[in-house]
Amino acid sequence: MARKLFFLLVLIFSVESWSQQYGSEFEVGPLLNFQMTSLYVNNEVFRNTDGFSNSGYEANYALGVYGAYYPKPKMAIGLEFYYDRYTSSILTEDDHYNSLSLVPYFNFDPFRRIRGFYFTGGLGVAFIQEIPDYGSRVQEEDIHVITVPVKLGFTYRIRNQFTCEVGGLAELLPVVDDRVRRNALYLSLKVPLNRVFGGYR
């Protein structure tokens, strides 16, 4: 573990040095998401009725780290790694999803008129650590512990201080075959610690 952490730190400082040399920017730090989570679900799973519906939203969170590289002021590629929690009004109080997600993403300014404003998109992989009790209506072989989240949103960045992002999350792969997909609306805050404490202006 110590060796992996050492190589990660070496990689971060190498990218930082390289980005300074070539006039680009690299930032890394914590991220915190406030999320309104829900399920798009076949009603027979939880309500024993026909049809699909989007269950009610509930407030949740995600916590992790991110890194972003800005080769140009109006464009960035990044990576998020975070732990999140999903609940819904359709679930009982003790039922929820916990997962670890790794999401590569990009920031791009297509308009070039508002300073610090970007369009954001990303596609990644989520490893589900805990699932709710589906009861006898779902077979074990229909449950997926790896899904593919996709995100779209808008980002506002104050250089060397923080990044704020608002958008939506959905899953390309269901957590239960043809029956349950997770989705969320989110507000994200990212703080580039290497630049906040690095004397950048």
Protein backbone atom coordinates (compact mmCIF):
# COMPACT_ATOMS: atom_id res chain seq x y z
CA MET A 1 0.00 0.00 0.00
CA ALA A 2 2.81 2.40 0.89
CA ARG A 3 4.53 1.64 -2.42
CA LYS A 4 1.34 2.37 -4.39
CA LEU A 5 0.89 5.66 -2.53
CA PHE A 6 4.52 6.58 -3.25
CA PHE A 7 4.14 5.94 -6.99
CA LEU A 8 0.87 7.89 -7.02
CA LEU A 9 2.59 10.89 -5.42
CA VAL A 10 5.48 10.62 -7.89
CA LEU A 11 3.00 10.56 -10.77
CA ILE A 12 1.13 13.61 -9.44
CA PHE A 13 4.30 15.67 -9.02
CA SER A 14 5.61 14.54 -12.43
CA VAL A 15 2.44 15.67 -14.17
CA GLU A 16 2.51 18.90 -12.17
CA SER A 17 6.08 19.61 -13.27
CA TRP A 18 5.34 18.70 -16.89
CA SER A 19 2.23 20.89 -16.99
CA GLN A 20 4.18 23.88 -15.62
CA GLN A 21 6.88 23.41 -18.24
CA TYR A 22 4.45 23.42 -21.15
CA GLY A 23 2.08 26.12 -19.93
CA SER A 24 -0.81 23.81 -19.09
CA GLU A 25 -2.44 23.18 -15.72
CA PHE A 26 -2.96 20.13 -13.53
CA GLU A 27 -5.10 20.02 -10.42
CA VAL A 28 -5.93 17.34 -7.87
CA GLY A 29 -8.00 17.34 -4.71
CA PRO A 30 -11.15 16.18 -2.92
CA LEU A 31 -14.65 16.17 -4.35
CA LEU A 32 -17.98 16.23 -2.56
CA ASN A 33 -21.30 15.59 -4.30
CA PHE A 34 -24.73 16.38 -2.97
CA GLN A 35 -27.02 13.97 -4.84
CA MET A 36 -30.76 13.51 -5.22
CA THR A 37 -30.92 9.80 -6.03
CA SER A 38 -33.72 7.72 -7.50
CA LEU A 39 -34.47 4.46 -9.32
CA TYR A 40 -36.06 3.83 -12.69
CA VAL A 41 -37.75 0.57 -11.81
CA ASN A 42 -40.15 -2.09 -12.99
CA ASN A 43 -42.94 -1.76 -10.43
CA GLU A 44 -43.22 -5.51 -9.97
CA VAL A 45 -39.91 -5.53 -8.10
CA PHE A 46 -41.02 -3.43 -5.13
CA ARG A 47 -44.73 -2.70 -5.57
CA ASN A 48 -46.01 -5.84 -7.26
CA THR A 49 -47.75 -3.81 -9.99
CA ASP A 50 -47.25 -3.44 -13.75
CA GLY A 51 -45.23 -0.87 -15.68
CA PHE A 52 -42.12 1.25 -15.09
CA SER A 53 -41.78 4.42 -13.06
CA ASN A 54 -39.15 6.72 -11.60
CA SER A 55 -39.25 6.38 -7.84
CA GLY A 56 -39.08 9.42 -5.58
CA TYR A 57 -35.80 11.26 -5.01
CA GLU A 58 -33.89 11.26 -1.73
CA ALA A 59 -30.89 13.31 -0.61
CA ASN A 60 -27.54 11.50 -0.56
CA TYR A 61 -23.84 12.15 -1.02
CA ALA A 62 -20.67 11.07 -2.77
CA LEU A 63 -17.15 11.63 -1.45
CA GLY A 64 -13.85 11.06 -3.22
CA VAL A 65 -10.92 12.56 -5.12
CA TYR A 66 -10.38 13.92 -8.61
CA GLY A 67 -7.63 15.00 -10.96
CA ALA A 68 -7.95 17.25 -14.00
CA TYR A 69 -5.50 18.28 -16.70
CA TYR A 70 -6.10 21.49 -18.66
CA PRO A 71 -3.94 21.46 -21.83
CA LYS A 72 -5.80 24.65 -22.83
CA PRO A 73 -7.83 27.10 -20.72
CA LYS A 74 -11.08 26.02 -22.42
CA MET A 75 -10.60 22.25 -22.30
CA ALA A 76 -9.79 19.59 -19.70
CA ILE A 77 -9.68 15.86 -19.24
CA GLY A 78 -10.14 14.43 -15.77
CA LEU A 79 -10.77 11.42 -13.58
CA GLU A 80 -13.03 11.01 -10.54
CA PHE A 81 -12.88 8.23 -7.96
CA TYR A 82 -15.57 8.31 -5.30
CA TYR A 83 -17.77 6.40 -2.88
CA ASP A 84 -21.49 7.06 -3.18
CA ARG A 85 -24.76 6.07 -1.58
CA TYR A 86 -28.09 5.63 -3.35
CA THR A 87 -31.47 5.49 -1.67
CA SER A 88 -35.00 6.07 -2.90
CA SER A 89 -38.43 6.63 -1.41
CA ILE A 90 -39.42 3.25 -2.83
CA LEU A 91 -36.86 1.49 -0.59
CA THR A 92 -37.19 0.82 3.11
CA GLU A 93 -35.11 2.86 5.54
CA ASP A 94 -32.40 0.18 5.86
CA ASP A 95 -32.15 -0.58 2.12
CA HIS A 96 -29.64 1.26 -0.07
CA TYR A 97 -26.87 0.94 -2.64
CA ASN A 98 -23.23 1.66 -1.86
CA SER A 99 -20.73 1.75 -4.68
CA LEU A 100 -17.24 2.81 -5.73
CA SER A 101 -17.12 4.66 -9.04
CA LEU A 102 -14.27 5.52 -11.41
CA VAL A 103 -15.37 8.09 -13.99
CA PRO A 104 -13.15 9.65 -16.68
CA TYR A 105 -14.64 12.94 -17.89
CA PHE A 106 -14.01 16.02 -19.98
CA ASN A 107 -14.70 19.74 -19.66
CA PHE A 108 -15.16 21.80 -22.80
CA ASP A 109 -16.26 25.35 -23.47
CA PRO A 110 -18.14 25.39 -26.81
CA PHE A 111 -19.20 29.03 -26.54
CA ARG A 112 -15.99 30.75 -25.38
CA ARG A 113 -17.94 33.73 -24.05
CA ILE A 114 -18.30 33.11 -20.30
CA ARG A 115 -15.03 32.79 -18.44
CA GLY A 116 -14.75 29.57 -16.41
CA PHE A 117 -17.93 27.99 -17.82
CA TYR A 118 -17.75 24.47 -19.31
CA PHE A 119 -19.92 21.68 -20.62
CA THR A 120 -19.10 18.40 -18.83
CA GLY A 121 -19.52 14.77 -19.85
CA GLY A 122 -18.18 11.48 -18.54
CA LEU A 123 -18.48 7.70 -18.79
CA GLY A 124 -17.11 5.27 -16.22
CA VAL A 125 -17.58 2.12 -14.19
CA ALA A 126 -19.26 1.60 -10.80
CA PHE A 127 -18.55 -1.33 -8.50
CA ILE A 128 -21.57 -1.92 -6.29
CA GLN A 129 -20.62 -2.90 -2.74
CA GLU A 130 -24.07 -3.19 -1.16
CA ILE A 131 -27.56 -3.75 -2.61
CA PRO A 132 -31.10 -3.61 -1.16
CA ASP A 133 -33.21 -6.67 -0.47
CA TYR A 134 -35.13 -7.37 -3.68
CA GLY A 135 -37.08 -10.28 -2.22
CA SER A 136 -38.09 -13.37 -4.16
CA ARG A 137 -39.10 -11.46 -7.31
CA VAL A 138 -35.46 -11.02 -8.44
CA GLN A 139 -33.13 -13.91 -9.20
CA GLU A 140 -29.51 -13.69 -8.10
CA GLU A 141 -28.21 -14.15 -11.66
CA ASP A 142 -30.15 -11.02 -12.75
CA ILE A 143 -28.29 -8.75 -10.32
CA HIS A 144 -25.26 -6.82 -11.61
CA VAL A 145 -22.50 -5.62 -9.31
CA ILE A 146 -20.74 -3.65 -12.07
CA THR A 147 -22.57 -0.91 -13.96
CA VAL A 148 -21.67 1.89 -16.37
CA PRO A 149 -22.58 5.40 -15.14
CA VAL A 150 -22.73 8.31 -17.57
CA LYS A 151 -22.86 11.96 -16.53
CA LEU A 152 -23.73 15.21 -18.29
CA GLY A 153 -23.64 18.63 -16.73
CA PHE A 154 -22.30 22.16 -16.57
CA THR A 155 -19.21 23.33 -14.71
CA TYR A 156 -18.11 26.68 -13.35
CA ARG A 157 -14.44 26.95 -12.42
CA ILE A 158 -12.67 29.70 -10.53
CA ARG A 159 -9.07 28.99 -11.42
CA ASN A 160 -6.84 27.84 -8.54
CA GLN A 161 -9.74 28.02 -6.05
CA PHE A 162 -12.62 25.63 -6.71
CA THR A 163 -14.85 24.02 -9.32
CA CYS A 164 -18.63 23.73 -9.01
CA GLU A 165 -20.59 21.31 -11.18
CA VAL A 166 -24.30 20.58 -11.62
CA GLY A 167 -25.77 17.79 -13.72
CA GLY A 168 -27.36 14.39 -13.98
CA LEU A 169 -26.17 10.78 -13.63
CA ALA A 170 -27.71 7.72 -15.27
CA GLU A 171 -26.63 4.13 -15.90
CA LEU A 172 -26.22 2.49 -19.29
CA LEU A 173 -26.37 -0.94 -17.65
CA PRO A 174 -29.12 -1.83 -15.17
CA VAL A 175 -28.39 -3.07 -11.66
CA VAL A 176 -31.13 -5.66 -12.24
CA ASP A 177 -31.70 -7.01 -15.76
CA ASP A 178 -34.45 -5.00 -17.48
CA ARG A 179 -35.86 -3.93 -14.11
CA VAL A 180 -33.80 -1.42 -12.11
CA ARG A 181 -31.51 1.45 -13.09
CA ARG A 182 -30.08 4.08 -10.76
CA ASN A 183 -30.12 7.80 -11.58
CA ALA A 184 -29.38 11.04 -9.79
CA LEU A 185 -29.22 14.80 -9.98
CA TYR A 186 -26.06 16.19 -8.43
CA LEU A 187 -24.24 19.28 -7.27
CA SER A 188 -20.48 18.79 -6.99
CA LEU A 189 -17.73 20.81 -5.33
CA LYS A 190 -14.06 20.18 -6.17
CA VAL A 191 -11.10 21.89 -4.52
CA PRO A 192 -7.64 21.74 -6.24
CA LEU A 193 -5.49 21.42 -3.13
CA ASN A 194 -2.22 21.35 -5.07
CA ARG A 195 -3.01 24.78 -6.52
CA VAL A 196 -4.72 26.29 -3.47
CA PHE A 197 -1.65 25.58 -1.32
CA GLY A 198 0.89 25.81 -4.14
CA GLY A 199 1.02 29.58 -4.36
CA TYR A 200 -0.74 29.75 -7.73
CA ARG A 201 -2.66 32.85 -8.75
